[in-house]
Amino acid sequence: MELAQVSNEIIVKLEEGLYEDYLEELQQKYFGGIVSGGPDEGTPWFSKSDAEIEEEATKKVKEFMDRNS
């Protein structure tokens, strides 16, 4: 296995780990509570949509990688 391929795999794993960490952090930040009625009863709700949270997590990963490259 080439060194460049190993390096790329390490970078991808780092980015995936960072994304998961940022996603969890942002979900905690934007957590609004648990739905108490209706068909979604018992599910969490957030002050931002899933897409907005995922986009913010992706942006944070990119900023981290840009700062540390």
PDB file of N, CA and C in Angstrom:
ATOM      1  N   MET A   1       0.853  -1.178   0.000  1.00  0.00           N
ATOM      2  CA  MET A   1       0.000   0.000   0.000  1.00  0.00           C
ATOM      3  C   MET A   1       0.898   1.241   0.000  1.00  0.00           C
ATOM      4  N   GLU A   2       0.573   2.164  -0.854  1.00  0.00           N
ATOM      5  CA  GLU A   2       1.379   3.374  -0.963  1.00  0.00           C
ATOM      6  C   GLU A   2       1.154   4.286   0.234  1.00  0.00           C
ATOM      7  N   LEU A   3       2.184   5.050   0.554  1.00  0.00           N
ATOM      8  CA  LEU A   3       2.104   6.001   1.658  1.00  0.00           C
ATOM      9  C   LEU A   3       1.003   7.029   1.425  1.00  0.00           C
ATOM     10  N   ALA A   4       0.853   7.506   0.198  1.00  0.00           N
ATOM     11  CA  ALA A   4      -0.180   8.499  -0.114  1.00  0.00           C
ATOM     12  C   ALA A   4      -1.568   7.931   0.129  1.00  0.00           C
ATOM     13  N   GLN A   5      -1.764   6.659  -0.213  1.00  0.00           N
ATOM     14  CA  GLN A   5      -3.072   6.026  -0.004  1.00  0.00           C
ATOM     15  C   GLN A   5      -3.369   5.889   1.482  1.00  0.00           C
ATOM     16  N   VAL A   6      -2.363   5.497   2.264  1.00  0.00           N
ATOM     17  CA  VAL A   6      -2.529   5.384   3.709  1.00  0.00           C
ATOM     18  C   VAL A   6      -2.837   6.756   4.300  1.00  0.00           C
ATOM     19  N   SER A   7      -2.111   7.765   3.846  1.00  0.00           N
ATOM     20  CA  SER A   7      -2.321   9.130   4.321  1.00  0.00           C
ATOM     21  C   SER A   7      -3.741   9.599   4.012  1.00  0.00           C
ATOM     22  N   ASN A   8      -4.215   9.334   2.803  1.00  0.00           N
ATOM     23  CA  ASN A   8      -5.580   9.725   2.429  1.00  0.00           C
ATOM     24  C   ASN A   8      -6.614   9.009   3.284  1.00  0.00           C
ATOM     25  N   GLU A   9      -6.396   7.731   3.571  1.00  0.00           N
ATOM     26  CA  GLU A   9      -7.329   6.977   4.404  1.00  0.00           C
ATOM     27  C   GLU A   9      -7.373   7.554   5.818  1.00  0.00           C
ATOM     28  N   ILE A  10      -6.230   7.951   6.338  1.00  0.00           N
ATOM     29  CA  ILE A  10      -6.164   8.557   7.668  1.00  0.00           C
ATOM     30  C   ILE A  10      -6.918   9.883   7.684  1.00  0.00           C
ATOM     31  N   ILE A  11      -6.735  10.687   6.646  1.00  0.00           N
ATOM     32  CA  ILE A  11      -7.422  11.977   6.553  1.00  0.00           C
ATOM     33  C   ILE A  11      -8.933  11.772   6.482  1.00  0.00           C
ATOM     34  N   VAL A  12      -9.374  10.797   5.687  1.00  0.00           N
ATOM     35  CA  VAL A  12     -10.811  10.523   5.564  1.00  0.00           C
ATOM     36  C   VAL A  12     -11.374  10.092   6.913  1.00  0.00           C
ATOM     37  N   LYS A  13     -10.666   9.215   7.619  1.00  0.00           N
ATOM     38  CA  LYS A  13     -11.133   8.761   8.943  1.00  0.00           C
ATOM     39  C   LYS A  13     -11.186   9.938   9.917  1.00  0.00           C
ATOM     40  N   LEU A  14     -10.190  10.828   9.872  1.00  0.00           N
ATOM     41  CA  LEU A  14     -10.182  12.010  10.726  1.00  0.00           C
ATOM     42  C   LEU A  14     -11.396  12.887  10.424  1.00  0.00           C
ATOM     43  N   GLU A  15     -11.647  13.137   9.138  1.00  0.00           N
ATOM     44  CA  GLU A  15     -12.789  13.970   8.752  1.00  0.00           C
ATOM     45  C   GLU A  15     -14.106  13.339   9.198  1.00  0.00           C
ATOM     46  N   GLU A  16     -14.229  12.022   9.048  1.00  0.00           N
ATOM     47  CA  GLU A  16     -15.456  11.336   9.475  1.00  0.00           C
ATOM     48  C   GLU A  16     -15.642  11.456  10.986  1.00  0.00           C
ATOM     49  N   GLY A  17     -14.560  11.273  11.736  1.00  0.00           N
ATOM     50  CA  GLY A  17     -14.630  11.386  13.190  1.00  0.00           C
ATOM     51  C   GLY A  17     -14.983  12.794  13.630  1.00  0.00           C
ATOM     52  N   LEU A  18     -14.362  13.789  12.996  1.00  0.00           N
ATOM     53  CA  LEU A  18     -14.663  15.183  13.305  1.00  0.00           C
ATOM     54  C   LEU A  18     -16.123  15.493  13.002  1.00  0.00           C
ATOM     55  N   TYR A  19     -16.608  15.009  11.852  1.00  0.00           N
ATOM     56  CA  TYR A  19     -17.993  15.261  11.461  1.00  0.00           C
ATOM     57  C   TYR A  19     -18.947  14.708  12.514  1.00  0.00           C
ATOM     58  N   GLU A  20     -18.720  13.477  12.932  1.00  0.00           N
ATOM     59  CA  GLU A  20     -19.583  12.858  13.945  1.00  0.00           C
ATOM     60  C   GLU A  20     -19.535  13.641  15.257  1.00  0.00           C
ATOM     61  N   ASP A  21     -18.335  14.068  15.661  1.00  0.00           N
ATOM     62  CA  ASP A  21     -18.191  14.854  16.895  1.00  0.00           C
ATOM     63  C   ASP A  21     -18.923  16.190  16.795  1.00  0.00           C
ATOM     64  N   TYR A  22     -18.721  16.889  15.678  1.00  0.00           N
ATOM     65  CA  TYR A  22     -19.385  18.180  15.489  1.00  0.00           C
ATOM     66  C   TYR A  22     -20.894  18.004  15.393  1.00  0.00           C
ATOM     67  N   LEU A  23     -21.343  16.950  14.713  1.00  0.00           N
ATOM     68  CA  LEU A  23     -22.768  16.696  14.584  1.00  0.00           C
ATOM     69  C   LEU A  23     -23.398  16.496  15.966  1.00  0.00           C
ATOM     70  N   GLU A  24     -22.758  15.694  16.796  1.00  0.00           N
ATOM     71  CA  GLU A  24     -23.266  15.466  18.152  1.00  0.00           C
ATOM     72  C   GLU A  24     -23.284  16.765  18.959  1.00  0.00           C
ATOM     73  N   GLU A  25     -22.205  17.535  18.850  1.00  0.00           N
ATOM     74  CA  GLU A  25     -22.107  18.816  19.562  1.00  0.00           C
ATOM     75  C   GLU A  25     -23.230  19.767  19.143  1.00  0.00           C
ATOM     76  N   LEU A  26     -23.482  19.842  17.841  1.00  0.00           N
ATOM     77  CA  LEU A  26     -24.510  20.746  17.321  1.00  0.00           C
ATOM     78  C   LEU A  26     -25.915  20.258  17.666  1.00  0.00           C
ATOM     79  N   GLN A  27     -26.114  18.954  17.672  1.00  0.00           N
ATOM     80  CA  GLN A  27     -27.424  18.423  18.061  1.00  0.00           C
ATOM     81  C   GLN A  27     -27.717  18.778  19.520  1.00  0.00           C
ATOM     82  N   GLN A  28     -26.706  18.707  20.354  1.00  0.00           N
ATOM     83  CA  GLN A  28     -26.893  19.097  21.753  1.00  0.00           C
ATOM     84  C   GLN A  28     -27.181  20.592  21.850  1.00  0.00           C
ATOM     85  N   LYS A  29     -26.460  21.386  21.054  1.00  0.00           N
ATOM     86  CA  LYS A  29     -26.635  22.832  21.076  1.00  0.00           C
ATOM     87  C   LYS A  29     -28.042  23.233  20.644  1.00  0.00           C
ATOM     88  N   TYR A  30     -28.582  22.581  19.607  1.00  0.00           N
ATOM     89  CA  TYR A  30     -29.865  22.970  19.042  1.00  0.00           C
ATOM     90  C   TYR A  30     -31.037  22.113  19.532  1.00  0.00           C
ATOM     91  N   PHE A  31     -30.781  21.233  20.500  1.00  0.00           N
ATOM     92  CA  PHE A  31     -31.847  20.381  21.045  1.00  0.00           C
ATOM     93  C   PHE A  31     -32.901  21.250  21.712  1.00  0.00           C
ATOM     94  N   GLY A  32     -34.159  21.025  21.338  1.00  0.00           N
ATOM     95  CA  GLY A  32     -35.232  21.843  21.887  1.00  0.00           C
ATOM     96  C   GLY A  32     -36.122  21.112  22.860  1.00  0.00           C
ATOM     97  N   GLY A  33     -36.050  19.813  22.880  1.00  0.00           N
ATOM     98  CA  GLY A  33     -36.884  19.030  23.785  1.00  0.00           C
ATOM     99  C   GLY A  33     -37.433  17.800  23.109  1.00  0.00           C
ATOM    100  N   ILE A  34     -38.409  17.184  23.773  1.00  0.00           N
ATOM    101  CA  ILE A  34     -39.064  15.987  23.255  1.00  0.00           C
ATOM    102  C   ILE A  34     -40.516  16.337  22.920  1.00  0.00           C
ATOM    103  N   VAL A  35     -40.958  15.916  21.764  1.00  0.00           N
ATOM    104  CA  VAL A  35     -42.337  16.158  21.348  1.00  0.00           C
ATOM    105  C   VAL A  35     -43.268  15.427  22.312  1.00  0.00           C
ATOM    106  N   SER A  36     -44.272  16.147  22.841  1.00  0.00           N
ATOM    107  CA  SER A  36     -45.134  15.574  23.882  1.00  0.00           C
ATOM    108  C   SER A  36     -46.504  15.134  23.381  1.00  0.00           C
ATOM    109  N   GLY A  37     -46.765  15.280  22.097  1.00  0.00           N
ATOM    110  CA  GLY A  37     -48.054  14.849  21.583  1.00  0.00           C
ATOM    111  C   GLY A  37     -48.041  14.685  20.087  1.00  0.00           C
ATOM    112  N   GLY A  38     -49.097  14.099  19.579  1.00  0.00           N
ATOM    113  CA  GLY A  38     -49.219  13.920  18.136  1.00  0.00           C
ATOM    114  C   GLY A  38     -48.482  12.699  17.644  1.00  0.00           C
ATOM    115  N   PRO A  39     -48.401  12.552  16.332  1.00  0.00           N
ATOM    116  CA  PRO A  39     -47.781  11.355  15.748  1.00  0.00           C
ATOM    117  C   PRO A  39     -46.274  11.254  16.013  1.00  0.00           C
ATOM    118  N   ASP A  40     -45.628  12.381  16.311  1.00  0.00           N
ATOM    119  CA  ASP A  40     -44.183  12.383  16.576  1.00  0.00           C
ATOM    120  C   ASP A  40     -43.868  12.330  18.060  1.00  0.00           C
ATOM    121  N   GLU A  41     -44.847  12.026  18.885  1.00  0.00           N
ATOM    122  CA  GLU A  41     -44.658  12.008  20.337  1.00  0.00           C
ATOM    123  C   GLU A  41     -43.455  11.150  20.723  1.00  0.00           C
ATOM    124  N   GLY A  42     -42.642  11.711  21.602  1.00  0.00           N
ATOM    125  CA  GLY A  42     -41.467  11.002  22.104  1.00  0.00           C
ATOM    126  C   GLY A  42     -40.201  11.208  21.299  1.00  0.00           C
ATOM    127  N   THR A  43     -40.293  11.896  20.166  1.00  0.00           N
ATOM    128  CA  THR A  43     -39.102  12.138  19.355  1.00  0.00           C
ATOM    129  C   THR A  43     -38.511  13.504  19.694  1.00  0.00           C
ATOM    130  N   PRO A  44     -37.195  13.635  19.569  1.00  0.00           N
ATOM    131  CA  PRO A  44     -36.572  14.934  19.858  1.00  0.00           C
ATOM    132  C   PRO A  44     -36.879  15.944  18.763  1.00  0.00           C
ATOM    133  N   TRP A  45     -36.879  17.218  19.140  1.00  0.00           N
ATOM    134  CA  TRP A  45     -36.973  18.274  18.134  1.00  0.00           C
ATOM    135  C   TRP A  45     -35.813  19.235  18.358  1.00  0.00           C
ATOM    136  N   PHE A  46     -35.411  19.888  17.277  1.00  0.00           N
ATOM    137  CA  PHE A  46     -34.262  20.785  17.292  1.00  0.00           C
ATOM    138  C   PHE A  46     -34.666  22.138  16.728  1.00  0.00           C
ATOM    139  N   SER A  47     -33.964  23.189  17.152  1.00  0.00           N
ATOM    140  CA  SER A  47     -34.278  24.533  16.676  1.00  0.00           C
ATOM    141  C   SER A  47     -33.765  24.775  15.256  1.00  0.00           C
ATOM    142  N   LYS A  48     -32.965  23.852  14.719  1.00  0.00           N
ATOM    143  CA  LYS A  48     -32.533  23.892  13.323  1.00  0.00           C
ATOM    144  C   LYS A  48     -32.889  22.551  12.695  1.00  0.00           C
ATOM    145  N   SER A  49     -33.058  22.545  11.388  1.00  0.00           N
ATOM    146  CA  SER A  49     -33.392  21.303  10.690  1.00  0.00           C
ATOM    147  C   SER A  49     -32.165  20.382  10.645  1.00  0.00           C
ATOM    148  N   ASP A  50     -32.406  19.102  10.369  1.00  0.00           N
ATOM    149  CA  ASP A  50     -31.304  18.146  10.228  1.00  0.00           C
ATOM    150  C   ASP A  50     -30.328  18.616   9.157  1.00  0.00           C
ATOM    151  N   ALA A  51     -30.861  19.103   8.043  1.00  0.00           N
ATOM    152  CA  ALA A  51     -30.008  19.563   6.945  1.00  0.00           C
ATOM    153  C   ALA A  51     -29.136  20.743   7.375  1.00  0.00           C
ATOM    154  N   GLU A  52     -29.705  21.676   8.135  1.00  0.00           N
ATOM    155  CA  GLU A  52     -28.932  22.831   8.606  1.00  0.00           C
ATOM    156  C   GLU A  52     -27.828  22.390   9.569  1.00  0.00           C
ATOM    157  N   ILE A  53     -28.144  21.456  10.448  1.00  0.00           N
ATOM    158  CA  ILE A  53     -27.158  20.961  11.411  1.00  0.00           C
ATOM    159  C   ILE A  53     -26.051  20.213  10.680  1.00  0.00           C
ATOM    160  N   GLU A  54     -26.415  19.367   9.711  1.00  0.00           N
ATOM    161  CA  GLU A  54     -25.421  18.622   8.938  1.00  0.00           C
ATOM    162  C   GLU A  54     -24.532  19.564   8.133  1.00  0.00           C
ATOM    163  N   GLU A  55     -25.121  20.597   7.561  1.00  0.00           N
ATOM    164  CA  GLU A  55     -24.356  21.589   6.796  1.00  0.00           C
ATOM    165  C   GLU A  55     -23.364  22.317   7.703  1.00  0.00           C
ATOM    166  N   GLU A  56     -23.809  22.678   8.903  1.00  0.00           N
ATOM    167  CA  GLU A  56     -22.930  23.365   9.844  1.00  0.00           C
ATOM    168  C   GLU A  56     -21.790  22.451  10.290  1.00  0.00           C
ATOM    169  N   ALA A  57     -22.079  21.170  10.506  1.00  0.00           N
ATOM    170  CA  ALA A  57     -21.037  20.211  10.894  1.00  0.00           C
ATOM    171  C   ALA A  57     -20.011  20.071   9.772  1.00  0.00           C
ATOM    172  N   THR A  58     -20.486  19.981   8.535  1.00  0.00           N
ATOM    173  CA  THR A  58     -19.589  19.878   7.378  1.00  0.00           C
ATOM    174  C   THR A  58     -18.707  21.117   7.274  1.00  0.00           C
ATOM    175  N   LYS A  59     -19.302  22.281   7.495  1.00  0.00           N
ATOM    176  CA  LYS A  59     -18.543  23.538   7.443  1.00  0.00           C
ATOM    177  C   LYS A  59     -17.465  23.564   8.529  1.00  0.00           C
ATOM    178  N   LYS A  60     -17.799  23.089   9.728  1.00  0.00           N
ATOM    179  CA  LYS A  60     -16.836  23.082  10.825  1.00  0.00           C
ATOM    180  C   LYS A  60     -15.669  22.135  10.517  1.00  0.00           C
ATOM    181  N   VAL A  61     -15.948  20.992   9.880  1.00  0.00           N
ATOM    182  CA  VAL A  61     -14.887  20.058   9.489  1.00  0.00           C
ATOM    183  C   VAL A  61     -13.973  20.731   8.476  1.00  0.00           C
ATOM    184  N   LYS A  62     -14.565  21.383   7.470  1.00  0.00           N
ATOM    185  CA  LYS A  62     -13.763  22.059   6.439  1.00  0.00           C
ATOM    186  C   LYS A  62     -12.892  23.140   7.058  1.00  0.00           C
ATOM    187  N   GLU A  63     -13.467  23.937   7.962  1.00  0.00           N
ATOM    188  CA  GLU A  63     -12.695  24.988   8.625  1.00  0.00           C
ATOM    189  C   GLU A  63     -11.548  24.395   9.431  1.00  0.00           C
ATOM    190  N   PHE A  64     -11.798  23.301  10.132  1.00  0.00           N
ATOM    191  CA  PHE A  64     -10.752  22.654  10.916  1.00  0.00           C
ATOM    192  C   PHE A  64      -9.635  22.157   9.999  1.00  0.00           C
ATOM    193  N   MET A  65     -10.010  21.492   8.915  1.00  0.00           N
ATOM    194  CA  MET A  65      -9.006  20.931   7.996  1.00  0.00           C
ATOM    195  C   MET A  65      -8.221  22.062   7.327  1.00  0.00           C
ATOM    196  N   ASP A  66      -8.878  23.158   6.965  1.00  0.00           N
ATOM    197  CA  ASP A  66      -8.180  24.289   6.342  1.00  0.00           C
ATOM    198  C   ASP A  66      -7.194  24.929   7.326  1.00  0.00           C
ATOM    199  N   ARG A  67      -7.620  25.057   8.577  1.00  0.00           N
ATOM    200  CA  ARG A  67      -6.757  25.668   9.599  1.00  0.00           C
ATOM    201  C   ARG A  67      -5.537  24.820   9.896  1.00  0.00           C
ATOM    202  N   ASN A  68      -5.672  23.504   9.766  1.00  0.00           N
ATOM    203  CA  ASN A  68      -4.617  22.598  10.183  1.00  0.00           C
ATOM    204  C   ASN A  68      -3.930  21.894   9.026  1.00  0.00           C
ATOM    205  N   SER A  69      -3.983  22.499   7.842  1.00  0.00           N
ATOM    206  CA  SER A  69      -3.307  21.864   6.701  1.00  0.00           C
ATOM    207  C   SER A  69      -2.085  22.647   6.296  1.00  0.00           C
TER     208      SER A  69
END
